[in-house]
Amino acid sequence: MEELRKEIDELDEQILKLIARRKEVVKEIARIKKARDLPVVDVERERAHLKILKILGNELGLEPDEVELVFKVLILISIMRQVTDL
């Protein structure tokens, strides 16, 4: 069981690194949106992206509702980041 817990710890670290990288990309997107006078929220983009992510998640054996929940949180964080960076 300890080996499995260690593996989870390592996976969590990788997830955190990916979230940190995502945050950097969001900051760059916020900069571009500001320069182009674009709105922070793009509902159609979010809807289409969530649909694709749920399909991909399902193909990977994940529950679509759980995938949607995780990514809605990430999207909300991204929106908050963009608002504060603008």
PDB file of N, CA and C in Angstrom:
ATOM      1  N   MET A   1       0.816  -1.179   0.000  1.00  0.00           N
ATOM      2  CA  MET A   1       0.000   0.000   0.000  1.00  0.00           C
ATOM      3  C   MET A   1       0.878   1.268   0.000  1.00  0.00           C
ATOM      4  N   GLU A   2       2.001   1.242   0.647  1.00  0.00           N
ATOM      5  CA  GLU A   2       2.888   2.406   0.682  1.00  0.00           C
ATOM      6  C   GLU A   2       3.374   2.783  -0.712  1.00  0.00           C
ATOM      7  N   GLU A   3       3.666   1.775  -1.531  1.00  0.00           N
ATOM      8  CA  GLU A   3       4.107   2.065  -2.895  1.00  0.00           C
ATOM      9  C   GLU A   3       3.003   2.772  -3.680  1.00  0.00           C
ATOM     10  N   LEU A   4       1.783   2.336  -3.477  1.00  0.00           N
ATOM     11  CA  LEU A   4       0.660   2.965  -4.162  1.00  0.00           C
ATOM     12  C   LEU A   4       0.463   4.404  -3.691  1.00  0.00           C
ATOM     13  N   ARG A   5       0.613   4.632  -2.399  1.00  0.00           N
ATOM     14  CA  ARG A   5       0.495   5.988  -1.875  1.00  0.00           C
ATOM     15  C   ARG A   5       1.609   6.880  -2.420  1.00  0.00           C
ATOM     16  N   LYS A   6       2.786   6.307  -2.544  1.00  0.00           N
ATOM     17  CA  LYS A   6       3.903   7.068  -3.115  1.00  0.00           C
ATOM     18  C   LYS A   6       3.599   7.425  -4.567  1.00  0.00           C
ATOM     19  N   GLU A   7       3.023   6.486  -5.294  1.00  0.00           N
ATOM     20  CA  GLU A   7       2.660   6.750  -6.684  1.00  0.00           C
ATOM     21  C   GLU A   7       1.618   7.874  -6.763  1.00  0.00           C
ATOM     22  N   ILE A   8       0.645   7.847  -5.865  1.00  0.00           N
ATOM     23  CA  ILE A   8      -0.354   8.920  -5.834  1.00  0.00           C
ATOM     24  C   ILE A   8       0.315  10.254  -5.532  1.00  0.00           C
ATOM     25  N   ASP A   9       1.238  10.266  -4.582  1.00  0.00           N
ATOM     26  CA  ASP A   9       1.962  11.497  -4.264  1.00  0.00           C
ATOM     27  C   ASP A   9       2.687  12.037  -5.496  1.00  0.00           C
ATOM     28  N   GLU A  10       3.315  11.156  -6.246  1.00  0.00           N
ATOM     29  CA  GLU A  10       4.037  11.557  -7.453  1.00  0.00           C
ATOM     30  C   GLU A  10       3.076  12.074  -8.526  1.00  0.00           C
ATOM     31  N   LEU A  11       1.943  11.407  -8.672  1.00  0.00           N
ATOM     32  CA  LEU A  11       0.933  11.859  -9.631  1.00  0.00           C
ATOM     33  C   LEU A  11       0.380  13.223  -9.237  1.00  0.00           C
ATOM     34  N   ASP A  12       0.142  13.419  -7.947  1.00  0.00           N
ATOM     35  CA  ASP A  12      -0.355  14.709  -7.465  1.00  0.00           C
ATOM     36  C   ASP A  12       0.651  15.823  -7.755  1.00  0.00           C
ATOM     37  N   GLU A  13       1.927  15.527  -7.601  1.00  0.00           N
ATOM     38  CA  GLU A  13       2.953  16.518  -7.894  1.00  0.00           C
ATOM     39  C   GLU A  13       2.931  16.879  -9.384  1.00  0.00           C
ATOM     40  N   GLN A  14       2.768  15.877 -10.231  1.00  0.00           N
ATOM     41  CA  GLN A  14       2.691  16.130 -11.671  1.00  0.00           C
ATOM     42  C   GLN A  14       1.467  16.974 -12.002  1.00  0.00           C
ATOM     43  N   ILE A  15       0.345  16.674 -11.356  1.00  0.00           N
ATOM     44  CA  ILE A  15      -0.880  17.447 -11.579  1.00  0.00           C
ATOM     45  C   ILE A  15      -0.661  18.903 -11.183  1.00  0.00           C
ATOM     46  N   LEU A  16      -0.015  19.120 -10.034  1.00  0.00           N
ATOM     47  CA  LEU A  16       0.259  20.489  -9.589  1.00  0.00           C
ATOM     48  C   LEU A  16       1.151  21.236 -10.583  1.00  0.00           C
ATOM     49  N   LYS A  17       2.134  20.557 -11.117  1.00  0.00           N
ATOM     50  CA  LYS A  17       3.013  21.185 -12.106  1.00  0.00           C
ATOM     51  C   LYS A  17       2.224  21.563 -13.357  1.00  0.00           C
ATOM     52  N   LEU A  18       1.298  20.709 -13.771  1.00  0.00           N
ATOM     53  CA  LEU A  18       0.467  21.010 -14.930  1.00  0.00           C
ATOM     54  C   LEU A  18      -0.468  22.179 -14.657  1.00  0.00           C
ATOM     55  N   ILE A  19      -1.023  22.235 -13.456  1.00  0.00           N
ATOM     56  CA  ILE A  19      -1.892  23.358 -13.091  1.00  0.00           C
ATOM     57  C   ILE A  19      -1.090  24.655 -13.082  1.00  0.00           C
ATOM     58  N   ALA A  20       0.131  24.605 -12.568  1.00  0.00           N
ATOM     59  CA  ALA A  20       0.989  25.794 -12.563  1.00  0.00           C
ATOM     60  C   ALA A  20       1.288  26.246 -13.990  1.00  0.00           C
ATOM     61  N   ARG A  21       1.564  25.327 -14.873  1.00  0.00           N
ATOM     62  CA  ARG A  21       1.831  25.671 -16.280  1.00  0.00           C
ATOM     63  C   ARG A  21       0.571  26.248 -16.924  1.00  0.00           C
ATOM     64  N   ARG A  22      -0.576  25.652 -16.595  1.00  0.00           N
ATOM     65  CA  ARG A  22      -1.859  26.144 -17.119  1.00  0.00           C
ATOM     66  C   ARG A  22      -2.067  27.590 -16.686  1.00  0.00           C
ATOM     67  N   LYS A  23      -1.718  27.887 -15.448  1.00  0.00           N
ATOM     68  CA  LYS A  23      -1.850  29.248 -14.920  1.00  0.00           C
ATOM     69  C   LYS A  23      -0.997  30.221 -15.721  1.00  0.00           C
ATOM     70  N   GLU A  24       0.207  29.824 -16.100  1.00  0.00           N
ATOM     71  CA  GLU A  24       1.079  30.672 -16.912  1.00  0.00           C
ATOM     72  C   GLU A  24       0.452  30.954 -18.271  1.00  0.00           C
ATOM     73  N   VAL A  25      -0.131  29.928 -18.871  1.00  0.00           N
ATOM     74  CA  VAL A  25      -0.765  30.087 -20.177  1.00  0.00           C
ATOM     75  C   VAL A  25      -1.981  31.006 -20.060  1.00  0.00           C
ATOM     76  N   VAL A  26      -2.746  30.838 -19.002  1.00  0.00           N
ATOM     77  CA  VAL A  26      -3.918  31.692 -18.770  1.00  0.00           C
ATOM     78  C   VAL A  26      -3.491  33.150 -18.659  1.00  0.00           C
ATOM     79  N   LYS A  27      -2.398  33.395 -17.977  1.00  0.00           N
ATOM     80  CA  LYS A  27      -1.903  34.770 -17.834  1.00  0.00           C
ATOM     81  C   LYS A  27      -1.577  35.364 -19.201  1.00  0.00           C
ATOM     82  N   GLU A  28      -0.968  34.584 -20.066  1.00  0.00           N
ATOM     83  CA  GLU A  28      -0.642  35.049 -21.418  1.00  0.00           C
ATOM     84  C   GLU A  28      -1.924  35.298 -22.218  1.00  0.00           C
ATOM     85  N   ILE A  29      -2.905  34.418 -22.075  1.00  0.00           N
ATOM     86  CA  ILE A  29      -4.188  34.611 -22.755  1.00  0.00           C
ATOM     87  C   ILE A  29      -4.846  35.897 -22.275  1.00  0.00           C
ATOM     88  N   ALA A  30      -4.798  36.157 -20.972  1.00  0.00           N
ATOM     89  CA  ALA A  30      -5.373  37.384 -20.419  1.00  0.00           C
ATOM     90  C   ALA A  30      -4.714  38.611 -21.038  1.00  0.00           C
ATOM     91  N   ARG A  31      -3.397  38.543 -21.204  1.00  0.00           N
ATOM     92  CA  ARG A  31      -2.668  39.659 -21.796  1.00  0.00           C
ATOM     93  C   ARG A  31      -3.137  39.909 -23.237  1.00  0.00           C
ATOM     94  N   ILE A  32      -3.289  38.827 -23.991  1.00  0.00           N
ATOM     95  CA  ILE A  32      -3.736  38.938 -25.383  1.00  0.00           C
ATOM     96  C   ILE A  32      -5.162  39.468 -25.451  1.00  0.00           C
ATOM     97  N   LYS A  33      -6.034  38.938 -24.594  1.00  0.00           N
ATOM     98  CA  LYS A  33      -7.418  39.411 -24.582  1.00  0.00           C
ATOM     99  C   LYS A  33      -7.482  40.901 -24.274  1.00  0.00           C
ATOM    100  N   LYS A  34      -6.681  41.338 -23.329  1.00  0.00           N
ATOM    101  CA  LYS A  34      -6.673  42.762 -22.970  1.00  0.00           C
ATOM    102  C   LYS A  34      -6.196  43.596 -24.153  1.00  0.00           C
ATOM    103  N   ALA A  35      -5.131  43.157 -24.804  1.00  0.00           N
ATOM    104  CA  ALA A  35      -4.585  43.896 -25.944  1.00  0.00           C
ATOM    105  C   ALA A  35      -5.571  43.975 -27.108  1.00  0.00           C
ATOM    106  N   ARG A  36      -6.377  42.936 -27.247  1.00  0.00           N
ATOM    107  CA  ARG A  36      -7.349  42.886 -28.352  1.00  0.00           C
ATOM    108  C   ARG A  36      -8.743  43.325 -27.925  1.00  0.00           C
ATOM    109  N   ASP A  37      -8.862  43.759 -26.670  1.00  0.00           N
ATOM    110  CA  ASP A  37     -10.143  44.204 -26.115  1.00  0.00           C
ATOM    111  C   ASP A  37     -11.221  43.117 -26.247  1.00  0.00           C
ATOM    112  N   LEU A  38     -10.835  41.898 -25.895  1.00  0.00           N
ATOM    113  CA  LEU A  38     -11.758  40.759 -25.937  1.00  0.00           C
ATOM    114  C   LEU A  38     -12.312  40.487 -24.547  1.00  0.00           C
ATOM    115  N   PRO A  39     -13.520  39.925 -24.481  1.00  0.00           N
ATOM    116  CA  PRO A  39     -14.088  39.592 -23.174  1.00  0.00           C
ATOM    117  C   PRO A  39     -13.323  38.449 -22.507  1.00  0.00           C
ATOM    118  N   VAL A  40     -13.358  38.432 -21.192  1.00  0.00           N
ATOM    119  CA  VAL A  40     -12.681  37.375 -20.435  1.00  0.00           C
ATOM    120  C   VAL A  40     -13.346  36.033 -20.671  1.00  0.00           C
ATOM    121  N   VAL A  41     -14.663  36.025 -20.627  1.00  0.00           N
ATOM    122  CA  VAL A  41     -15.406  34.771 -20.723  1.00  0.00           C
ATOM    123  C   VAL A  41     -15.832  34.519 -22.168  1.00  0.00           C
ATOM    124  N   ASP A  42     -15.599  33.299 -22.620  1.00  0.00           N
ATOM    125  CA  ASP A  42     -16.034  32.850 -23.946  1.00  0.00           C
ATOM    126  C   ASP A  42     -16.872  31.596 -23.722  1.00  0.00           C
ATOM    127  N   VAL A  43     -18.168  31.794 -23.543  1.00  0.00           N
ATOM    128  CA  VAL A  43     -19.070  30.706 -23.175  1.00  0.00           C
ATOM    129  C   VAL A  43     -19.053  29.581 -24.211  1.00  0.00           C
ATOM    130  N   GLU A  44     -19.062  29.946 -25.483  1.00  0.00           N
ATOM    131  CA  GLU A  44     -19.061  28.918 -26.534  1.00  0.00           C
ATOM    132  C   GLU A  44     -17.786  28.088 -26.498  1.00  0.00           C
ATOM    133  N   ARG A  45     -16.646  28.726 -26.304  1.00  0.00           N
ATOM    134  CA  ARG A  45     -15.365  28.012 -26.203  1.00  0.00           C
ATOM    135  C   ARG A  45     -15.392  27.059 -25.016  1.00  0.00           C
ATOM    136  N   GLU A  46     -15.864  27.542 -23.869  1.00  0.00           N
ATOM    137  CA  GLU A  46     -15.927  26.699 -22.673  1.00  0.00           C
ATOM    138  C   GLU A  46     -16.842  25.497 -22.889  1.00  0.00           C
ATOM    139  N   ARG A  47     -18.006  25.750 -23.467  1.00  0.00           N
ATOM    140  CA  ARG A  47     -18.972  24.673 -23.706  1.00  0.00           C
ATOM    141  C   ARG A  47     -18.381  23.615 -24.646  1.00  0.00           C
ATOM    142  N   ALA A  48     -17.782  24.057 -25.737  1.00  0.00           N
ATOM    143  CA  ALA A  48     -17.200  23.132 -26.713  1.00  0.00           C
ATOM    144  C   ALA A  48     -16.028  22.364 -26.102  1.00  0.00           C
ATOM    145  N   HIS A  49     -15.202  23.070 -25.332  1.00  0.00           N
ATOM    146  CA  HIS A  49     -14.031  22.434 -24.716  1.00  0.00           C
ATOM    147  C   HIS A  49     -14.459  21.389 -23.682  1.00  0.00           C
ATOM    148  N   LEU A  50     -15.452  21.734 -22.861  1.00  0.00           N
ATOM    149  CA  LEU A  50     -15.951  20.771 -21.870  1.00  0.00           C
ATOM    150  C   LEU A  50     -16.525  19.524 -22.545  1.00  0.00           C
ATOM    151  N   LYS A  51     -17.207  19.724 -23.643  1.00  0.00           N
ATOM    152  CA  LYS A  51     -17.768  18.584 -24.372  1.00  0.00           C
ATOM    153  C   LYS A  51     -16.656  17.635 -24.827  1.00  0.00           C
ATOM    154  N   ILE A  52     -15.610  18.196 -25.396  1.00  0.00           N
ATOM    155  CA  ILE A  52     -14.465  17.389 -25.848  1.00  0.00           C
ATOM    156  C   ILE A  52     -13.786  16.695 -24.672  1.00  0.00           C
ATOM    157  N   LEU A  53     -13.599  17.431 -23.580  1.00  0.00           N
ATOM    158  CA  LEU A  53     -12.948  16.849 -22.404  1.00  0.00           C
ATOM    159  C   LEU A  53     -13.765  15.711 -21.801  1.00  0.00           C
ATOM    160  N   LYS A  54     -15.074  15.851 -21.792  1.00  0.00           N
ATOM    161  CA  LYS A  54     -15.924  14.783 -21.255  1.00  0.00           C
ATOM    162  C   LYS A  54     -15.850  13.534 -22.127  1.00  0.00           C
ATOM    163  N   ILE A  55     -15.780  13.720 -23.428  1.00  0.00           N
ATOM    164  CA  ILE A  55     -15.646  12.578 -24.341  1.00  0.00           C
ATOM    165  C   ILE A  55     -14.296  11.906 -24.119  1.00  0.00           C
ATOM    166  N   LEU A  56     -13.239  12.690 -24.076  1.00  0.00           N
ATOM    167  CA  LEU A  56     -11.903  12.149 -23.834  1.00  0.00           C
ATOM    168  C   LEU A  56     -11.841  11.442 -22.484  1.00  0.00           C
ATOM    169  N   GLY A  57     -12.382  12.085 -21.459  1.00  0.00           N
ATOM    170  CA  GLY A  57     -12.407  11.468 -20.131  1.00  0.00           C
ATOM    171  C   GLY A  57     -13.138  10.144 -20.139  1.00  0.00           C
ATOM    172  N   ASN A  58     -14.267  10.099 -20.832  1.00  0.00           N
ATOM    173  CA  ASN A  58     -15.043   8.858 -20.925  1.00  0.00           C
ATOM    174  C   ASN A  58     -14.225   7.762 -21.605  1.00  0.00           C
ATOM    175  N   GLU A  59     -13.494   8.131 -22.649  1.00  0.00           N
ATOM    176  CA  GLU A  59     -12.635   7.164 -23.342  1.00  0.00           C
ATOM    177  C   GLU A  59     -11.531   6.645 -22.418  1.00  0.00           C
ATOM    178  N   LEU A  60     -11.155   7.456 -21.432  1.00  0.00           N
ATOM    179  CA  LEU A  60     -10.118   7.057 -20.473  1.00  0.00           C
ATOM    180  C   LEU A  60     -10.700   6.375 -19.240  1.00  0.00           C
ATOM    181  N   GLY A  61     -12.003   6.133 -19.262  1.00  0.00           N
ATOM    182  CA  GLY A  61     -12.642   5.424 -18.152  1.00  0.00           C
ATOM    183  C   GLY A  61     -13.097   6.327 -17.012  1.00  0.00           C
ATOM    184  N   LEU A  62     -13.178   7.632 -17.273  1.00  0.00           N
ATOM    185  CA  LEU A  62     -13.599   8.582 -16.247  1.00  0.00           C
ATOM    186  C   LEU A  62     -15.074   8.934 -16.438  1.00  0.00           C
ATOM    187  N   GLU A  63     -15.718   9.285 -15.339  1.00  0.00           N
ATOM    188  CA  GLU A  63     -17.117   9.699 -15.398  1.00  0.00           C
ATOM    189  C   GLU A  63     -17.205  11.113 -15.978  1.00  0.00           C
ATOM    190  N   PRO A  64     -18.023  11.311 -17.007  1.00  0.00           N
ATOM    191  CA  PRO A  64     -18.134  12.644 -17.620  1.00  0.00           C
ATOM    192  C   PRO A  64     -18.490  13.752 -16.627  1.00  0.00           C
ATOM    193  N   ASP A  65     -19.383  13.462 -15.678  1.00  0.00           N
ATOM    194  CA  ASP A  65     -19.758  14.481 -14.692  1.00  0.00           C
ATOM    195  C   ASP A  65     -18.573  14.874 -13.815  1.00  0.00           C
ATOM    196  N   GLU A  66     -17.733  13.916 -13.480  1.00  0.00           N
ATOM    197  CA  GLU A  66     -16.552  14.209 -12.666  1.00  0.00           C
ATOM    198  C   GLU A  66     -15.538  15.025 -13.454  1.00  0.00           C
ATOM    199  N   VAL A  67     -15.361  14.687 -14.723  1.00  0.00           N
ATOM    200  CA  VAL A  67     -14.465  15.453 -15.594  1.00  0.00           C
ATOM    201  C   VAL A  67     -14.965  16.891 -15.701  1.00  0.00           C
ATOM    202  N   GLU A  68     -16.264  17.035 -15.901  1.00  0.00           N
ATOM    203  CA  GLU A  68     -16.845  18.379 -16.015  1.00  0.00           C
ATOM    204  C   GLU A  68     -16.622  19.174 -14.730  1.00  0.00           C
ATOM    205  N   LEU A  69     -16.814  18.557 -13.593  1.00  0.00           N
ATOM    206  CA  LEU A  69     -16.614  19.238 -12.315  1.00  0.00           C
ATOM    207  C   LEU A  69     -15.180  19.743 -12.163  1.00  0.00           C
ATOM    208  N   VAL A  70     -14.223  18.856 -12.429  1.00  0.00           N
ATOM    209  CA  VAL A  70     -12.813  19.237 -12.300  1.00  0.00           C
ATOM    210  C   VAL A  70     -12.482  20.403 -13.228  1.00  0.00           C
ATOM    211  N   PHE A  71     -12.927  20.322 -14.461  1.00  0.00           N
ATOM    212  CA  PHE A  71     -12.560  21.362 -15.415  1.00  0.00           C
ATOM    213  C   PHE A  71     -13.358  22.642 -15.232  1.00  0.00           C
ATOM    214  N   LYS A  72     -14.561  22.555 -14.690  1.00  0.00           N
ATOM    215  CA  LYS A  72     -15.285  23.788 -14.370  1.00  0.00           C
ATOM    216  C   LYS A  72     -14.544  24.562 -13.280  1.00  0.00           C
ATOM    217  N   VAL A  73     -13.983  23.848 -12.327  1.00  0.00           N
ATOM    218  CA  VAL A  73     -13.175  24.510 -11.293  1.00  0.00           C
ATOM    219  C   VAL A  73     -11.954  25.166 -11.932  1.00  0.00           C
ATOM    220  N   LEU A  74     -11.259  24.438 -12.799  1.00  0.00           N
ATOM    221  CA  LEU A  74     -10.085  25.011 -13.473  1.00  0.00           C
ATOM    222  C   LEU A  74     -10.460  26.219 -14.322  1.00  0.00           C
ATOM    223  N   ILE A  75     -11.591  26.148 -15.001  1.00  0.00           N
ATOM    224  CA  ILE A  75     -12.043  27.264 -15.829  1.00  0.00           C
ATOM    225  C   ILE A  75     -12.391  28.463 -14.950  1.00  0.00           C
ATOM    226  N   LEU A  76     -13.060  28.214 -13.835  1.00  0.00           N
ATOM    227  CA  LEU A  76     -13.391  29.303 -12.915  1.00  0.00           C
ATOM    228  C   LEU A  76     -12.126  29.987 -12.391  1.00  0.00           C
ATOM    229  N   ILE A  77     -11.143  29.185 -12.029  1.00  0.00           N
ATOM    230  CA  ILE A  77      -9.867  29.741 -11.575  1.00  0.00           C
ATOM    231  C   ILE A  77      -9.232  30.563 -12.701  1.00  0.00           C
ATOM    232  N   SER A  78      -9.307  30.066 -13.916  1.00  0.00           N
ATOM    233  CA  SER A  78      -8.751  30.792 -15.064  1.00  0.00           C
ATOM    234  C   SER A  78      -9.450  32.127 -15.264  1.00  0.00           C
ATOM    235  N   ILE A  79     -10.768  32.129 -15.150  1.00  0.00           N
ATOM    236  CA  ILE A  79     -11.521  33.368 -15.307  1.00  0.00           C
ATOM    237  C   ILE A  79     -11.137  34.364 -14.213  1.00  0.00           C
ATOM    238  N   MET A  80     -11.057  33.868 -12.992  1.00  0.00           N
ATOM    239  CA  MET A  80     -10.667  34.755 -11.880  1.00  0.00           C
ATOM    240  C   MET A  80      -9.268  35.317 -12.126  1.00  0.00           C
ATOM    241  N   ARG A  81      -8.355  34.496 -12.609  1.00  0.00           N
ATOM    242  CA  ARG A  81      -6.991  34.927 -12.891  1.00  0.00           C
ATOM    243  C   ARG A  81      -6.992  36.000 -13.989  1.00  0.00           C
ATOM    244  N   GLN A  82      -7.772  35.770 -15.036  1.00  0.00           N
ATOM    245  CA  GLN A  82      -7.820  36.729 -16.130  1.00  0.00           C
ATOM    246  C   GLN A  82      -8.400  38.071 -15.673  1.00  0.00           C
ATOM    247  N   VAL A  83      -9.416  38.024 -14.832  1.00  0.00           N
ATOM    248  CA  VAL A  83     -10.034  39.248 -14.331  1.00  0.00           C
ATOM    249  C   VAL A  83      -9.015  40.038 -13.496  1.00  0.00           C
ATOM    250  N   THR A  84      -8.267  39.346 -12.661  1.00  0.00           N
ATOM    251  CA  THR A  84      -7.298  40.046 -11.809  1.00  0.00           C
ATOM    252  C   THR A  84      -6.089  40.526 -12.614  1.00  0.00           C
ATOM    253  N   ASP A  85      -5.766  39.840 -13.708  1.00  0.00           N
ATOM    254  CA  ASP A  85      -4.625  40.242 -14.534  1.00  0.00           C
ATOM    255  C   ASP A  85      -4.965  41.370 -15.496  1.00  0.00           C
ATOM    256  N   LEU A  86      -6.256  41.587 -15.719  1.00  0.00           N
ATOM    257  CA  LEU A  86      -6.659  42.649 -16.655  1.00  0.00           C
ATOM    258  C   LEU A  86      -6.711  43.930 -15.936  1.00  0.00           C
TER     259      LEU A  86
END
